[in-house]
Amino acid sequence: MSQSREDYIKFMYEEGHGLVVSNKQIAEGLNIAPPSVSEMMTKLEAEGLITYRRYHGALLTESGIAMAEELIRKHEIWEYFLEHKLKYTKEEVHELAEILEHATPTDLANRLAAYIDFPTVRKDV
């Protein structure tokens, strides 16, 4: 899956809190043109990640929620590793983790989590 698609899913999870997210919210939050958002919503619905009603917005499906939670988990693992093991500053870790979360297979995230003794219970978003 592309980083762009993952960014949409993660944004909807973090901003929607289980509620419908409008195209306008997504466009403003991700700094994307509204027509591009509409096009992506159609794609994400076809992939079963959201339910979408034109002019009303979108809601994550169970698959979409699982994907978002996995992305956030990977992000948190990378932030912890970068800050506590590689001694990056808190200010530096977020952008690096944002890049790494998209390129990290689940197996690598699991191994990294075990290596750093990362807690299995995730923080609330």
N, C-alpha and C. Protein backbone atom coordinates (compact mmCIF):
# COMPACT_ATOMS: atom_id res chain seq x y z
N MET A 1 0.85 -1.18 0.00
CA MET A 1 0.00 0.00 0.00
C MET A 1 0.89 1.24 0.00
N SER A 2 0.44 2.26 -0.69
CA SER A 2 1.24 3.47 -0.80
C SER A 2 1.23 4.27 0.50
N GLN A 3 2.26 5.06 0.67
CA GLN A 3 2.35 5.92 1.86
C GLN A 3 1.17 6.89 1.89
N SER A 4 0.77 7.38 0.74
CA SER A 4 -0.35 8.30 0.67
C SER A 4 -1.62 7.67 1.23
N ARG A 5 -1.92 6.45 0.80
CA ARG A 5 -3.12 5.75 1.31
C ARG A 5 -3.02 5.57 2.83
N GLU A 6 -1.85 5.17 3.27
CA GLU A 6 -1.65 4.96 4.71
C GLU A 6 -1.83 6.27 5.48
N ASP A 7 -1.38 7.38 4.90
CA ASP A 7 -1.55 8.68 5.57
C ASP A 7 -3.04 9.01 5.73
N TYR A 8 -3.83 8.73 4.72
CA TYR A 8 -5.28 8.96 4.81
C TYR A 8 -5.88 8.14 5.95
N ILE A 9 -5.55 6.86 5.97
CA ILE A 9 -6.11 5.96 6.98
C ILE A 9 -5.71 6.40 8.38
N LYS A 10 -4.45 6.70 8.56
CA LYS A 10 -3.96 7.13 9.87
C LYS A 10 -4.61 8.45 10.29
N PHE A 11 -4.73 9.39 9.36
CA PHE A 11 -5.36 10.67 9.67
C PHE A 11 -6.81 10.47 10.09
N MET A 12 -7.54 9.65 9.35
CA MET A 12 -8.94 9.40 9.68
C MET A 12 -9.09 8.77 11.06
N TYR A 13 -8.17 7.89 11.41
CA TYR A 13 -8.21 7.24 12.72
C TYR A 13 -7.95 8.25 13.84
N GLU A 14 -6.91 9.04 13.65
CA GLU A 14 -6.51 9.98 14.71
C GLU A 14 -7.47 11.15 14.84
N GLU A 15 -8.02 11.62 13.74
CA GLU A 15 -8.90 12.79 13.78
C GLU A 15 -10.37 12.42 13.95
N GLY A 16 -10.75 11.25 13.46
CA GLY A 16 -12.16 10.87 13.48
C GLY A 16 -12.64 10.29 14.79
N HIS A 17 -11.74 9.65 15.53
CA HIS A 17 -12.11 9.03 16.81
C HIS A 17 -13.36 8.15 16.67
N GLY A 18 -13.41 7.38 15.58
CA GLY A 18 -14.53 6.47 15.37
C GLY A 18 -15.74 7.10 14.72
N LEU A 19 -15.65 8.35 14.35
CA LEU A 19 -16.77 9.04 13.71
C LEU A 19 -16.46 9.31 12.24
N VAL A 20 -17.47 9.74 11.52
CA VAL A 20 -17.30 10.08 10.11
C VAL A 20 -16.37 11.27 9.98
N VAL A 21 -15.47 11.19 9.02
CA VAL A 21 -14.53 12.27 8.73
C VAL A 21 -14.90 12.82 7.36
N SER A 22 -15.07 14.13 7.27
CA SER A 22 -15.46 14.74 5.99
C SER A 22 -14.27 14.89 5.07
N ASN A 23 -14.57 14.98 3.77
CA ASN A 23 -13.51 15.22 2.79
C ASN A 23 -12.81 16.53 3.10
N LYS A 24 -13.56 17.53 3.54
CA LYS A 24 -12.97 18.83 3.87
C LYS A 24 -11.95 18.69 5.00
N GLN A 25 -12.29 17.94 6.05
CA GLN A 25 -11.35 17.72 7.15
C GLN A 25 -10.07 17.06 6.64
N ILE A 26 -10.23 16.07 5.78
CA ILE A 26 -9.06 15.35 5.26
C ILE A 26 -8.23 16.27 4.38
N ALA A 27 -8.90 17.01 3.50
CA ALA A 27 -8.18 17.92 2.60
C ALA A 27 -7.37 18.95 3.38
N GLU A 28 -8.00 19.52 4.40
CA GLU A 28 -7.31 20.53 5.21
C GLU A 28 -6.21 19.90 6.06
N GLY A 29 -6.50 18.76 6.66
CA GLY A 29 -5.54 18.11 7.55
C GLY A 29 -4.30 17.59 6.85
N LEU A 30 -4.49 17.10 5.64
CA LEU A 30 -3.37 16.53 4.89
C LEU A 30 -2.85 17.49 3.82
N ASN A 31 -3.47 18.67 3.74
CA ASN A 31 -3.07 19.69 2.77
C ASN A 31 -3.12 19.14 1.34
N ILE A 32 -4.30 18.59 1.00
CA ILE A 32 -4.52 17.95 -0.30
C ILE A 32 -5.75 18.59 -0.94
N ALA A 33 -5.74 18.71 -2.25
CA ALA A 33 -6.87 19.28 -2.98
C ALA A 33 -8.12 18.40 -2.81
N PRO A 34 -9.28 19.01 -2.59
CA PRO A 34 -10.51 18.24 -2.39
C PRO A 34 -10.81 17.19 -3.47
N PRO A 35 -10.60 17.48 -4.76
CA PRO A 35 -10.87 16.44 -5.76
C PRO A 35 -9.97 15.20 -5.58
N SER A 36 -8.76 15.42 -5.13
CA SER A 36 -7.85 14.29 -4.87
C SER A 36 -8.36 13.45 -3.71
N VAL A 37 -8.94 14.10 -2.72
CA VAL A 37 -9.50 13.38 -1.57
C VAL A 37 -10.66 12.51 -2.04
N SER A 38 -11.54 13.07 -2.85
CA SER A 38 -12.69 12.30 -3.36
C SER A 38 -12.23 11.07 -4.13
N GLU A 39 -11.21 11.24 -4.94
CA GLU A 39 -10.68 10.12 -5.71
C GLU A 39 -10.11 9.04 -4.78
N MET A 40 -9.37 9.46 -3.76
CA MET A 40 -8.78 8.49 -2.83
C MET A 40 -9.86 7.78 -2.02
N MET A 41 -10.93 8.49 -1.65
CA MET A 41 -12.00 7.86 -0.88
C MET A 41 -12.61 6.70 -1.67
N THR A 42 -12.78 6.89 -2.97
CA THR A 42 -13.31 5.83 -3.82
C THR A 42 -12.38 4.62 -3.82
N LYS A 43 -11.08 4.87 -3.90
CA LYS A 43 -10.10 3.78 -3.89
C LYS A 43 -10.08 3.04 -2.56
N LEU A 44 -10.10 3.81 -1.47
CA LEU A 44 -10.05 3.19 -0.14
C LEU A 44 -11.31 2.37 0.13
N GLU A 45 -12.44 2.84 -0.37
CA GLU A 45 -13.68 2.08 -0.20
C GLU A 45 -13.61 0.78 -1.00
N ALA A 46 -13.07 0.84 -2.21
CA ALA A 46 -12.94 -0.36 -3.04
C ALA A 46 -12.02 -1.39 -2.39
N GLU A 47 -11.07 -0.91 -1.58
CA GLU A 47 -10.15 -1.81 -0.88
C GLU A 47 -10.73 -2.31 0.45
N GLY A 48 -11.92 -1.84 0.80
CA GLY A 48 -12.56 -2.29 2.03
C GLY A 48 -12.03 -1.64 3.29
N LEU A 49 -11.35 -0.51 3.15
CA LEU A 49 -10.76 0.15 4.32
C LEU A 49 -11.67 1.21 4.92
N ILE A 50 -12.62 1.70 4.13
CA ILE A 50 -13.57 2.70 4.61
C ILE A 50 -14.95 2.42 4.03
N THR A 51 -15.95 3.01 4.66
CA THR A 51 -17.26 3.14 4.03
C THR A 51 -17.39 4.62 3.73
N TYR A 52 -17.88 4.93 2.53
CA TYR A 52 -17.87 6.31 2.06
C TYR A 52 -19.21 6.69 1.47
N ARG A 53 -19.71 7.84 1.90
CA ARG A 53 -20.91 8.43 1.32
C ARG A 53 -20.55 9.80 0.80
N ARG A 54 -20.67 9.94 -0.50
CA ARG A 54 -20.34 11.21 -1.14
C ARG A 54 -21.11 12.34 -0.47
N TYR A 55 -20.45 13.44 -0.22
CA TYR A 55 -20.97 14.65 0.44
C TYR A 55 -21.22 14.47 1.94
N HIS A 56 -20.95 13.28 2.48
CA HIS A 56 -21.12 13.06 3.92
C HIS A 56 -19.79 12.74 4.61
N GLY A 57 -18.95 11.99 3.93
CA GLY A 57 -17.67 11.65 4.51
C GLY A 57 -17.44 10.15 4.57
N ALA A 58 -16.44 9.77 5.33
CA ALA A 58 -16.01 8.38 5.38
C ALA A 58 -15.80 7.92 6.81
N LEU A 59 -15.95 6.62 6.97
CA LEU A 59 -15.75 5.97 8.26
C LEU A 59 -14.86 4.76 8.04
N LEU A 60 -13.89 4.58 8.90
CA LEU A 60 -13.00 3.42 8.78
C LEU A 60 -13.76 2.13 9.05
N THR A 61 -13.46 1.10 8.27
CA THR A 61 -13.98 -0.23 8.55
C THR A 61 -13.07 -0.89 9.59
N GLU A 62 -13.40 -2.10 9.98
CA GLU A 62 -12.53 -2.82 10.91
C GLU A 62 -11.13 -3.00 10.32
N SER A 63 -11.06 -3.28 9.03
CA SER A 63 -9.76 -3.43 8.36
C SER A 63 -8.99 -2.12 8.37
N GLY A 64 -9.69 -1.02 8.14
CA GLY A 64 -9.05 0.29 8.17
C GLY A 64 -8.54 0.64 9.56
N ILE A 65 -9.33 0.32 10.57
CA ILE A 65 -8.91 0.57 11.95
C ILE A 65 -7.68 -0.26 12.29
N ALA A 66 -7.69 -1.53 11.90
CA ALA A 66 -6.53 -2.40 12.16
C ALA A 66 -5.27 -1.86 11.48
N MET A 67 -5.43 -1.38 10.25
CA MET A 67 -4.28 -0.82 9.54
C MET A 67 -3.76 0.42 10.25
N ALA A 68 -4.65 1.30 10.65
CA ALA A 68 -4.24 2.53 11.34
C ALA A 68 -3.52 2.20 12.64
N GLU A 69 -4.06 1.27 13.40
CA GLU A 69 -3.44 0.91 14.67
C GLU A 69 -2.06 0.29 14.47
N GLU A 70 -1.88 -0.47 13.41
CA GLU A 70 -0.58 -1.05 13.12
C GLU A 70 0.42 0.03 12.71
N LEU A 71 -0.01 1.00 11.92
CA LEU A 71 0.86 2.11 11.54
C LEU A 71 1.29 2.91 12.77
N ILE A 72 0.35 3.17 13.65
CA ILE A 72 0.65 3.93 14.86
C ILE A 72 1.60 3.13 15.75
N ARG A 73 1.38 1.82 15.84
CA ARG A 73 2.27 0.96 16.63
C ARG A 73 3.70 1.03 16.09
N LYS A 74 3.84 0.91 14.78
CA LYS A 74 5.17 0.99 14.17
C LYS A 74 5.81 2.34 14.44
N HIS A 75 5.03 3.39 14.32
CA HIS A 75 5.53 4.74 14.57
C HIS A 75 6.05 4.85 16.01
N GLU A 76 5.27 4.36 16.96
CA GLU A 76 5.67 4.45 18.37
C GLU A 76 6.92 3.62 18.66
N ILE A 77 7.02 2.46 18.04
CA ILE A 77 8.21 1.62 18.22
C ILE A 77 9.44 2.35 17.71
N TRP A 78 9.33 2.95 16.52
CA TRP A 78 10.46 3.69 15.96
C TRP A 78 10.81 4.90 16.82
N GLU A 79 9.81 5.63 17.29
CA GLU A 79 10.10 6.78 18.13
C GLU A 79 10.87 6.35 19.38
N TYR A 80 10.42 5.29 20.02
CA TYR A 80 11.08 4.80 21.22
C TYR A 80 12.52 4.39 20.91
N PHE A 81 12.70 3.60 19.87
CA PHE A 81 14.03 3.14 19.49
C PHE A 81 14.96 4.31 19.18
N LEU A 82 14.50 5.24 18.38
CA LEU A 82 15.33 6.38 17.99
C LEU A 82 15.72 7.24 19.19
N GLU A 83 14.77 7.45 20.08
CA GLU A 83 15.06 8.31 21.23
C GLU A 83 15.87 7.59 22.31
N HIS A 84 15.47 6.38 22.66
CA HIS A 84 16.10 5.71 23.80
C HIS A 84 17.33 4.89 23.46
N LYS A 85 17.42 4.41 22.24
CA LYS A 85 18.57 3.59 21.88
C LYS A 85 19.58 4.33 21.01
N LEU A 86 19.09 5.20 20.12
CA LEU A 86 20.02 5.94 19.25
C LEU A 86 20.23 7.37 19.71
N LYS A 87 19.54 7.75 20.77
CA LYS A 87 19.72 9.05 21.44
C LYS A 87 19.38 10.26 20.57
N TYR A 88 18.41 10.10 19.68
CA TYR A 88 17.87 11.26 18.98
C TYR A 88 17.04 12.06 19.98
N THR A 89 16.88 13.34 19.71
CA THR A 89 16.06 14.17 20.60
C THR A 89 14.58 13.93 20.30
N LYS A 90 13.73 14.29 21.26
CA LYS A 90 12.28 14.17 21.06
C LYS A 90 11.84 14.94 19.82
N GLU A 91 12.47 16.06 19.56
CA GLU A 91 12.11 16.88 18.41
C GLU A 91 12.46 16.20 17.09
N GLU A 92 13.48 15.37 17.08
CA GLU A 92 13.94 14.72 15.86
C GLU A 92 13.18 13.44 15.53
N VAL A 93 12.66 12.74 16.51
CA VAL A 93 12.16 11.39 16.29
C VAL A 93 10.85 11.32 15.50
N HIS A 94 9.98 12.29 15.65
CA HIS A 94 8.67 12.17 15.01
C HIS A 94 8.77 12.08 13.49
N GLU A 95 9.49 12.98 12.88
CA GLU A 95 9.60 12.98 11.41
C GLU A 95 10.29 11.72 10.90
N LEU A 96 11.32 11.28 11.61
CA LEU A 96 11.99 10.04 11.21
C LEU A 96 11.06 8.84 11.34
N ALA A 97 10.33 8.78 12.44
CA ALA A 97 9.40 7.67 12.65
C ALA A 97 8.28 7.69 11.61
N GLU A 98 7.87 8.88 11.19
CA GLU A 98 6.84 9.02 10.17
C GLU A 98 7.28 8.37 8.86
N ILE A 99 8.53 8.52 8.52
CA ILE A 99 9.07 7.91 7.31
C ILE A 99 9.21 6.40 7.49
N LEU A 100 9.78 6.00 8.61
CA LEU A 100 10.07 4.59 8.85
C LEU A 100 8.83 3.72 9.02
N GLU A 101 7.75 4.27 9.59
CA GLU A 101 6.54 3.47 9.81
C GLU A 101 5.99 2.92 8.50
N HIS A 102 6.15 3.65 7.42
CA HIS A 102 5.60 3.23 6.12
C HIS A 102 6.47 2.18 5.44
N ALA A 103 7.72 2.13 5.80
CA ALA A 103 8.65 1.22 5.14
C ALA A 103 8.94 -0.03 5.96
N THR A 104 8.26 -0.19 7.08
CA THR A 104 8.58 -1.26 8.02
C THR A 104 7.59 -2.42 7.91
N PRO A 105 8.06 -3.59 7.49
CA PRO A 105 7.19 -4.76 7.50
C PRO A 105 6.84 -5.14 8.95
N THR A 106 5.70 -5.76 9.13
CA THR A 106 5.24 -6.12 10.48
C THR A 106 6.26 -7.00 11.20
N ASP A 107 6.88 -7.94 10.48
CA ASP A 107 7.87 -8.82 11.12
C ASP A 107 9.03 -8.00 11.69
N LEU A 108 9.50 -7.02 10.94
CA LEU A 108 10.58 -6.17 11.44
C LEU A 108 10.12 -5.38 12.66
N ALA A 109 8.91 -4.84 12.62
CA ALA A 109 8.38 -4.09 13.77
C ALA A 109 8.30 -4.99 14.99
N ASN A 110 7.85 -6.23 14.80
CA ASN A 110 7.75 -7.17 15.92
C ASN A 110 9.13 -7.48 16.51
N ARG A 111 10.10 -7.70 15.64
CA ARG A 111 11.46 -8.00 16.11
C ARG A 111 12.09 -6.80 16.80
N LEU A 112 11.88 -5.61 16.24
CA LEU A 112 12.40 -4.40 16.87
C LEU A 112 11.74 -4.18 18.22
N ALA A 113 10.44 -4.40 18.31
CA ALA A 113 9.73 -4.25 19.59
C ALA A 113 10.29 -5.21 20.63
N ALA A 114 10.55 -6.45 20.23
CA ALA A 114 11.12 -7.42 21.16
C ALA A 114 12.53 -7.00 21.58
N TYR A 115 13.32 -6.52 20.64
CA TYR A 115 14.69 -6.10 20.91
C TYR A 115 14.75 -4.97 21.94
N ILE A 116 13.84 -4.02 21.81
CA ILE A 116 13.86 -2.87 22.73
C ILE A 116 12.95 -3.08 23.93
N ASP A 117 12.35 -4.28 24.03
CA ASP A 117 11.45 -4.61 25.13
C ASP A 117 10.30 -3.60 25.20
N PHE A 118 9.74 -3.32 24.02
CA PHE A 118 8.65 -2.36 23.90
C PHE A 118 7.37 -2.98 24.45
N PRO A 119 6.61 -2.22 25.22
CA PRO A 119 5.37 -2.78 25.78
C PRO A 119 4.38 -3.18 24.67
N THR A 120 3.64 -4.25 24.90
CA THR A 120 2.69 -4.71 23.90
C THR A 120 1.39 -3.92 23.97
N VAL A 121 1.10 -3.29 25.06
CA VAL A 121 -0.11 -2.47 25.18
C VAL A 121 0.23 -1.07 24.71
N ARG A 122 -0.51 -0.62 23.70
CA ARG A 122 -0.28 0.69 23.09
C ARG A 122 -0.95 1.79 23.90
N LYS A 123 -0.34 2.98 23.84
CA LYS A 123 -0.95 4.15 24.46
C LYS A 123 -2.23 4.50 23.72
N ASP A 124 -3.17 5.13 24.42
CA ASP A 124 -4.37 5.63 23.75
C ASP A 124 -3.99 6.78 22.84
N VAL A 125 -4.67 6.85 21.71
CA VAL A 125 -4.41 7.91 20.75
C VAL A 125 -5.20 9.14 21.12
